[in-house]
């Protein structure tokens, strides 16, 4: 299979697919909101494409194999409920929503399952209600607890709460939850500096248990 993961500089979502022999293409621009990712999964089947994503993404993406499944992690800077205290123009919100909807557009054109991840926020009202919700700890059961450390304060099995929304279509299967005991809200972010690109990256990283669960539910 061919997997496309857009707005993705870490490769976490595609890593289980790569391990199973599938080809993973991660599209993201190093000049985008989160900058170049410091957490980057390495595997010969993961291909990082430094590509600016805009309304014409599907036209300008270049010559890559068509996806069999598509994942998308658009920036939540203009959409997340946690940032309501910051001024956002209508144009900024409109642009952010358009970026979030790219996955649906590509999925429909390519005829493949698609999924969009974003935290609770304006996307629910500016686009539509999510199809699913989850917290990282709810997929901790797909992890061993001995995975390589991403951040020294990160609890094993990503066992923390962070309500996350999933929009999906074209046959995407939301995986069964296997929750583990959790610590509640992950307080570790408070030590990183909230406005830095590195903090934005770490906060936005796909929970590894969720990535594994999605693979198990949607693999051929």
C-alpha atoms as a PDB file:
ATOM      1  CA  UNK A   1       0.000   0.000   0.000  1.00  0.00           C
ATOM      2  CA  UNK A   2       0.904   3.670  -0.399  1.00  0.00           C
ATOM      3  CA  UNK A   3       0.222   5.953   2.555  1.00  0.00           C
ATOM      4  CA  UNK A   4       0.128   9.739   2.372  1.00  0.00           C
ATOM      5  CA  UNK A   5       0.424  11.704   5.601  1.00  0.00           C
ATOM      6  CA  UNK A   6       0.153  15.462   5.110  1.00  0.00           C
ATOM      7  CA  UNK A   7       1.143  18.253   7.480  1.00  0.00           C
ATOM      8  CA  UNK A   8       3.307  15.515   8.988  1.00  0.00           C
ATOM      9  CA  UNK A   9       6.994  16.026   9.714  1.00  0.00           C
ATOM     10  CA  UNK A  10       7.374  13.294  12.340  1.00  0.00           C
ATOM     11  CA  UNK A  11       6.383  10.131  10.474  1.00  0.00           C
ATOM     12  CA  UNK A  12       4.784   8.662  13.597  1.00  0.00           C
ATOM     13  CA  UNK A  13       1.452   7.944  11.911  1.00  0.00           C
ATOM     14  CA  UNK A  14       3.033   6.064   9.043  1.00  0.00           C
ATOM     15  CA  UNK A  15       5.698   4.219  11.040  1.00  0.00           C
ATOM     16  CA  UNK A  16       3.633   1.044  11.675  1.00  0.00           C
ATOM     17  CA  UNK A  17       2.833   0.903   7.961  1.00  0.00           C
ATOM     18  CA  UNK A  18       6.505   1.317   7.056  1.00  0.00           C
ATOM     19  CA  UNK A  19       7.482  -1.489   9.412  1.00  0.00           C
ATOM     20  CA  UNK A  20       4.981  -3.732   7.611  1.00  0.00           C
ATOM     21  CA  UNK A  21       6.570  -2.991   4.232  1.00  0.00           C
ATOM     22  CA  UNK A  22       4.242  -0.267   2.927  1.00  0.00           C
ATOM     23  CA  UNK A  23       5.492   2.986   1.371  1.00  0.00           C
ATOM     24  CA  UNK A  24       4.822   6.128   3.394  1.00  0.00           C
ATOM     25  CA  UNK A  25       5.025   9.668   2.010  1.00  0.00           C
ATOM     26  CA  UNK A  26       5.050  12.471   4.604  1.00  0.00           C
ATOM     27  CA  UNK A  27       4.320  15.888   3.126  1.00  0.00           C
ATOM     28  CA  UNK A  28       5.215  18.953   5.194  1.00  0.00           C
ATOM     29  CA  UNK A  29       7.070  22.221   4.757  1.00  0.00           C
ATOM     30  CA  UNK A  30       9.989  23.073   7.041  1.00  0.00           C
ATOM     31  CA  UNK A  31       8.834  26.695   6.704  1.00  0.00           C
ATOM     32  CA  UNK A  32       5.348  25.943   8.042  1.00  0.00           C
ATOM     33  CA  UNK A  33       3.906  26.742  11.474  1.00  0.00           C
ATOM     34  CA  UNK A  34       5.727  23.995  13.389  1.00  0.00           C
ATOM     35  CA  UNK A  35       9.047  24.313  11.589  1.00  0.00           C
ATOM     36  CA  UNK A  36      11.328  21.390  10.825  1.00  0.00           C
ATOM     37  CA  UNK A  37      10.503  18.495  13.134  1.00  0.00           C
ATOM     38  CA  UNK A  38      12.991  17.426  15.807  1.00  0.00           C
ATOM     39  CA  UNK A  39      11.140  14.113  16.272  1.00  0.00           C
ATOM     40  CA  UNK A  40      11.451  12.190  13.019  1.00  0.00           C
ATOM     41  CA  UNK A  41      10.871   8.482  12.604  1.00  0.00           C
ATOM     42  CA  UNK A  42      13.532   6.881  10.437  1.00  0.00           C
ATOM     43  CA  UNK A  43      12.821   3.971   8.130  1.00  0.00           C
ATOM     44  CA  UNK A  44      13.706   3.168   4.542  1.00  0.00           C
ATOM     45  CA  UNK A  45       9.995   3.063   3.663  1.00  0.00           C
ATOM     46  CA  UNK A  46       9.260   6.570   4.996  1.00  0.00           C
ATOM     47  CA  UNK A  47       9.828   9.365   2.488  1.00  0.00           C
ATOM     48  CA  UNK A  48       9.809  12.947   3.774  1.00  0.00           C
ATOM     49  CA  UNK A  49       8.686  15.458   1.143  1.00  0.00           C
ATOM     50  CA  UNK A  50       9.484  19.095   2.004  1.00  0.00           C
ATOM     51  CA  UNK A  51       6.454  20.596   0.284  1.00  0.00           C
ATOM     52  CA  UNK A  52       4.366  23.666   1.035  1.00  0.00           C
ATOM     53  CA  UNK A  53       0.714  22.612   1.319  1.00  0.00           C
ATOM     54  CA  UNK A  54      -1.945  24.963  -0.001  1.00  0.00           C
ATOM     55  CA  UNK A  55      -5.228  24.891  -1.942  1.00  0.00           C
ATOM     56  CA  UNK A  56      -3.416  23.569  -5.009  1.00  0.00           C
ATOM     57  CA  UNK A  57      -1.667  20.742  -3.177  1.00  0.00           C
ATOM     58  CA  UNK A  58      -3.185  17.986  -5.285  1.00  0.00           C
ATOM     59  CA  UNK A  59      -2.112  19.775  -8.480  1.00  0.00           C
ATOM     60  CA  UNK A  60       1.443  20.601  -7.398  1.00  0.00           C
ATOM     61  CA  UNK A  61       2.385  17.646  -5.242  1.00  0.00           C
ATOM     62  CA  UNK A  62       4.594  16.153  -7.925  1.00  0.00           C
ATOM     63  CA  UNK A  63       4.990  12.617  -9.158  1.00  0.00           C
ATOM     64  CA  UNK A  64       4.336  10.296  -6.251  1.00  0.00           C
ATOM     65  CA  UNK A  65       2.275   7.082  -6.201  1.00  0.00           C
ATOM     66  CA  UNK A  66      -1.403   7.668  -5.490  1.00  0.00           C
ATOM     67  CA  UNK A  67      -2.415   6.962  -1.877  1.00  0.00           C
ATOM     68  CA  UNK A  68      -4.391   3.961  -0.704  1.00  0.00           C
ATOM     69  CA  UNK A  69      -5.109   5.788   2.560  1.00  0.00           C
ATOM     70  CA  UNK A  70      -4.555   9.388   3.628  1.00  0.00           C
ATOM     71  CA  UNK A  71      -3.882  10.962   7.032  1.00  0.00           C
ATOM     72  CA  UNK A  72      -3.792  14.688   7.751  1.00  0.00           C
ATOM     73  CA  UNK A  73      -2.631  16.762  10.725  1.00  0.00           C
ATOM     74  CA  UNK A  74      -3.285  20.417   9.797  1.00  0.00           C
ATOM     75  CA  UNK A  75      -2.096  23.189  12.089  1.00  0.00           C
ATOM     76  CA  UNK A  76      -4.491  23.976  14.928  1.00  0.00           C
ATOM     77  CA  UNK A  77      -3.006  27.419  15.691  1.00  0.00           C
ATOM     78  CA  UNK A  78      -6.011  29.277  14.292  1.00  0.00           C
ATOM     79  CA  UNK A  79      -8.566  26.634  15.276  1.00  0.00           C
ATOM     80  CA  UNK A  80      -7.830  25.142  18.702  1.00  0.00           C
ATOM     81  CA  UNK A  81     -10.063  26.102  21.597  1.00  0.00           C
ATOM     82  CA  UNK A  82      -6.954  26.534  23.764  1.00  0.00           C
ATOM     83  CA  UNK A  83      -6.030  29.606  21.715  1.00  0.00           C
ATOM     84  CA  UNK A  84      -9.322  31.459  21.936  1.00  0.00           C
ATOM     85  CA  UNK A  85      -7.653  34.274  23.872  1.00  0.00           C
ATOM     86  CA  UNK A  86      -5.583  35.202  20.827  1.00  0.00           C
ATOM     87  CA  UNK A  87      -7.045  37.367  18.062  1.00  0.00           C
ATOM     88  CA  UNK A  88      -7.893  35.500  14.875  1.00  0.00           C
ATOM     89  CA  UNK A  89      -9.185  37.147  11.743  1.00  0.00           C
ATOM     90  CA  UNK A  90     -11.971  35.643   9.666  1.00  0.00           C
ATOM     91  CA  UNK A  91      -9.483  35.229   6.825  1.00  0.00           C
ATOM     92  CA  UNK A  92      -7.065  33.270   9.042  1.00  0.00           C
ATOM     93  CA  UNK A  93      -9.823  30.953  10.226  1.00  0.00           C
ATOM     94  CA  UNK A  94     -11.148  30.473   6.691  1.00  0.00           C
ATOM     95  CA  UNK A  95      -7.669  29.561   5.446  1.00  0.00           C
ATOM     96  CA  UNK A  96      -7.108  27.116   8.327  1.00  0.00           C
ATOM     97  CA  UNK A  97     -10.417  25.387   7.640  1.00  0.00           C
ATOM     98  CA  UNK A  98      -9.550  25.090   3.951  1.00  0.00           C
ATOM     99  CA  UNK A  99      -6.257  23.402   4.877  1.00  0.00           C
ATOM    100  CA  UNK A 100      -8.112  20.966   7.144  1.00  0.00           C
ATOM    101  CA  UNK A 101     -10.502  20.034   4.334  1.00  0.00           C
ATOM    102  CA  UNK A 102      -7.710  19.179   1.874  1.00  0.00           C
ATOM    103  CA  UNK A 103      -7.684  15.570   3.109  1.00  0.00           C
ATOM    104  CA  UNK A 104     -11.343  15.150   2.233  1.00  0.00           C
ATOM    105  CA  UNK A 105     -10.785  16.674  -1.215  1.00  0.00           C
ATOM    106  CA  UNK A 106      -7.794  14.430  -1.940  1.00  0.00           C
ATOM    107  CA  UNK A 107      -9.566  11.369  -0.548  1.00  0.00           C
ATOM    108  CA  UNK A 108     -12.533  11.933  -2.822  1.00  0.00           C
ATOM    109  CA  UNK A 109     -10.347  12.536  -5.889  1.00  0.00           C
ATOM    110  CA  UNK A 110      -8.169   9.493  -5.191  1.00  0.00           C
ATOM    111  CA  UNK A 111     -11.040   7.326  -3.941  1.00  0.00           C
ATOM    112  CA  UNK A 112      -9.236   6.347  -0.743  1.00  0.00           C
ATOM    113  CA  UNK A 113     -10.047   6.396   2.990  1.00  0.00           C
ATOM    114  CA  UNK A 114      -9.011   9.612   4.719  1.00  0.00           C
ATOM    115  CA  UNK A 115      -8.666  10.989   8.242  1.00  0.00           C
ATOM    116  CA  UNK A 116      -8.104  14.458   9.709  1.00  0.00           C
ATOM    117  CA  UNK A 117      -6.897  15.024  13.288  1.00  0.00           C
ATOM    118  CA  UNK A 118      -7.336  18.283  15.217  1.00  0.00           C
ATOM    119  CA  UNK A 119      -8.023  19.270  18.821  1.00  0.00           C
ATOM    120  CA  UNK A 120     -11.371  20.569  20.034  1.00  0.00           C
ATOM    121  CA  UNK A 121     -11.961  23.983  18.499  1.00  0.00           C
ATOM    122  CA  UNK A 122     -13.461  26.001  15.690  1.00  0.00           C
ATOM    123  CA  UNK A 123     -13.213  23.278  13.061  1.00  0.00           C
ATOM    124  CA  UNK A 124     -16.333  21.686  14.565  1.00  0.00           C
ATOM    125  CA  UNK A 125     -18.397  24.791  13.820  1.00  0.00           C
ATOM    126  CA  UNK A 126     -16.617  26.121  10.734  1.00  0.00           C
ATOM    127  CA  UNK A 127     -16.630  22.756   8.931  1.00  0.00           C
ATOM    128  CA  UNK A 128     -18.739  20.079  10.648  1.00  0.00           C
ATOM    129  CA  UNK A 129     -18.905  18.015  13.803  1.00  0.00           C
ATOM    130  CA  UNK A 130     -16.145  15.370  14.185  1.00  0.00           C
ATOM    131  CA  UNK A 131     -16.879  11.720  13.495  1.00  0.00           C
ATOM    132  CA  UNK A 132     -14.898  10.530  16.537  1.00  0.00           C
ATOM    133  CA  UNK A 133     -13.144  11.700  19.691  1.00  0.00           C
ATOM    134  CA  UNK A 134     -10.275  10.150  21.646  1.00  0.00           C
ATOM    135  CA  UNK A 135      -7.647  10.769  24.314  1.00  0.00           C
ATOM    136  CA  UNK A 136      -4.083   9.412  23.939  1.00  0.00           C
ATOM    137  CA  UNK A 137      -4.387   7.089  26.950  1.00  0.00           C
ATOM    138  CA  UNK A 138      -7.328   5.318  25.322  1.00  0.00           C
ATOM    139  CA  UNK A 139      -4.929   3.717  22.842  1.00  0.00           C
ATOM    140  CA  UNK A 140      -2.098   3.107  25.295  1.00  0.00           C
ATOM    141  CA  UNK A 141      -2.945  -0.588  25.276  1.00  0.00           C
ATOM    142  CA  UNK A 142      -1.439  -0.836  21.792  1.00  0.00           C
ATOM    143  CA  UNK A 143       1.980   0.116  23.236  1.00  0.00           C
ATOM    144  CA  UNK A 144       4.403  -1.971  25.263  1.00  0.00           C
ATOM    145  CA  UNK A 145       5.482   0.847  27.563  1.00  0.00           C
ATOM    146  CA  UNK A 146       9.105   0.367  26.512  1.00  0.00           C
ATOM    147  CA  UNK A 147       9.058   2.503  23.359  1.00  0.00           C
ATOM    148  CA  UNK A 148      11.972   4.939  22.776  1.00  0.00           C
ATOM    149  CA  UNK A 149      11.612   8.183  24.712  1.00  0.00           C
ATOM    150  CA  UNK A 150      10.198  11.156  22.811  1.00  0.00           C
ATOM    151  CA  UNK A 151      10.441  13.578  25.721  1.00  0.00           C
ATOM    152  CA  UNK A 152      11.773  12.853  29.245  1.00  0.00           C
ATOM    153  CA  UNK A 153       8.527  14.008  30.888  1.00  0.00           C
ATOM    154  CA  UNK A 154       6.231  12.048  28.572  1.00  0.00           C
ATOM    155  CA  UNK A 155       4.454   9.255  30.489  1.00  0.00           C
ATOM    156  CA  UNK A 156       4.881   5.703  29.229  1.00  0.00           C
ATOM    157  CA  UNK A 157       2.239   4.572  26.737  1.00  0.00           C
ATOM    158  CA  UNK A 158       1.314   8.250  26.194  1.00  0.00           C
ATOM    159  CA  UNK A 159      -0.955   7.815  29.195  1.00  0.00           C
ATOM    160  CA  UNK A 160      -2.398  11.307  29.442  1.00  0.00           C
ATOM    161  CA  UNK A 161      -5.567  13.165  28.474  1.00  0.00           C
ATOM    162  CA  UNK A 162      -5.893  15.486  25.496  1.00  0.00           C
ATOM    163  CA  UNK A 163      -9.301  15.369  23.856  1.00  0.00           C
ATOM    164  CA  UNK A 164      -8.754  15.056  20.132  1.00  0.00           C
ATOM    165  CA  UNK A 165     -11.180  15.081  17.214  1.00  0.00           C
ATOM    166  CA  UNK A 166     -11.197  12.893  14.117  1.00  0.00           C
ATOM    167  CA  UNK A 167     -12.961  13.673  10.860  1.00  0.00           C
ATOM    168  CA  UNK A 168     -12.939  10.809   8.385  1.00  0.00           C
ATOM    169  CA  UNK A 169     -14.540   9.287   5.332  1.00  0.00           C
ATOM    170  CA  UNK A 170     -14.389   6.870   2.384  1.00  0.00           C
ATOM    171  CA  UNK A 171     -14.205   3.781   4.579  1.00  0.00           C
ATOM    172  CA  UNK A 172     -11.692   4.859   7.225  1.00  0.00           C
ATOM    173  CA  UNK A 173     -12.099   2.568  10.269  1.00  0.00           C
ATOM    174  CA  UNK A 174     -11.794   4.152  13.716  1.00  0.00           C
ATOM    175  CA  UNK A 175      -9.932   1.581  15.853  1.00  0.00           C
ATOM    176  CA  UNK A 176     -11.163  -0.035  19.036  1.00  0.00           C
ATOM    177  CA  UNK A 177      -9.928   1.649  22.205  1.00  0.00           C
ATOM    178  CA  UNK A 178      -7.701  -0.223  24.654  1.00  0.00           C
ATOM    179  CA  UNK A 179      -7.229   2.315  27.471  1.00  0.00           C
ATOM    180  CA  UNK A 180      -4.573   2.327  30.174  1.00  0.00           C
ATOM    181  CA  UNK A 181      -4.356   4.145  33.504  1.00  0.00           C
ATOM    182  CA  UNK A 182      -3.452   7.786  32.904  1.00  0.00           C
ATOM    183  CA  UNK A 183      -1.966  10.779  34.723  1.00  0.00           C
ATOM    184  CA  UNK A 184      -4.608  13.243  33.543  1.00  0.00           C
ATOM    185  CA  UNK A 185      -3.539  16.371  31.678  1.00  0.00           C
ATOM    186  CA  UNK A 186       0.112  16.182  30.690  1.00  0.00           C
ATOM    187  CA  UNK A 187       1.708  18.961  32.707  1.00  0.00           C
ATOM    188  CA  UNK A 188       5.130  18.496  31.120  1.00  0.00           C
ATOM    189  CA  UNK A 189       4.370  20.986  28.346  1.00  0.00           C
ATOM    190  CA  UNK A 190       4.454  23.833  30.888  1.00  0.00           C
ATOM    191  CA  UNK A 191       8.249  23.499  31.104  1.00  0.00           C
ATOM    192  CA  UNK A 192       8.835  23.934  27.369  1.00  0.00           C
ATOM    193  CA  UNK A 193       7.630  27.467  26.616  1.00  0.00           C
ATOM    194  CA  UNK A 194       4.165  27.592  25.100  1.00  0.00           C
ATOM    195  CA  UNK A 195       4.890  29.691  22.007  1.00  0.00           C
ATOM    196  CA  UNK A 196       7.994  27.912  20.712  1.00  0.00           C
ATOM    197  CA  UNK A 197       7.945  25.843  17.512  1.00  0.00           C
ATOM    198  CA  UNK A 198       9.401  22.902  19.464  1.00  0.00           C
ATOM    199  CA  UNK A 199       6.534  22.994  21.966  1.00  0.00           C
ATOM    200  CA  UNK A 200       3.968  23.163  19.162  1.00  0.00           C
ATOM    201  CA  UNK A 201       5.619  20.138  17.586  1.00  0.00           C
ATOM    202  CA  UNK A 202       5.634  18.060  20.759  1.00  0.00           C
ATOM    203  CA  UNK A 203       2.035  18.951  21.585  1.00  0.00           C
ATOM    204  CA  UNK A 204       0.905  18.024  18.095  1.00  0.00           C
ATOM    205  CA  UNK A 205       2.725  14.684  17.801  1.00  0.00           C
ATOM    206  CA  UNK A 206       0.442  11.786  16.973  1.00  0.00           C
ATOM    207  CA  UNK A 207       0.031   9.440  19.972  1.00  0.00           C
ATOM    208  CA  UNK A 208       1.975   6.304  19.069  1.00  0.00           C
ATOM    209  CA  UNK A 209      -0.693   3.970  20.409  1.00  0.00           C
ATOM    210  CA  UNK A 210      -3.284   5.646  18.221  1.00  0.00           C
ATOM    211  CA  UNK A 211      -1.020   5.323  15.178  1.00  0.00           C
ATOM    212  CA  UNK A 212      -0.580   1.613  15.835  1.00  0.00           C
ATOM    213  CA  UNK A 213      -4.300   1.126  16.429  1.00  0.00           C
ATOM    214  CA  UNK A 214      -5.205   2.857  13.156  1.00  0.00           C
ATOM    215  CA  UNK A 215      -2.806   0.583  11.327  1.00  0.00           C
ATOM    216  CA  UNK A 216      -4.333  -2.542  12.907  1.00  0.00           C
ATOM    217  CA  UNK A 217      -7.869  -1.394  12.031  1.00  0.00           C
ATOM    218  CA  UNK A 218      -7.132  -0.356   8.438  1.00  0.00           C
ATOM    219  CA  UNK A 219      -4.336  -2.645   7.248  1.00  0.00           C
ATOM    220  CA  UNK A 220      -4.989  -4.902   4.252  1.00  0.00           C
END
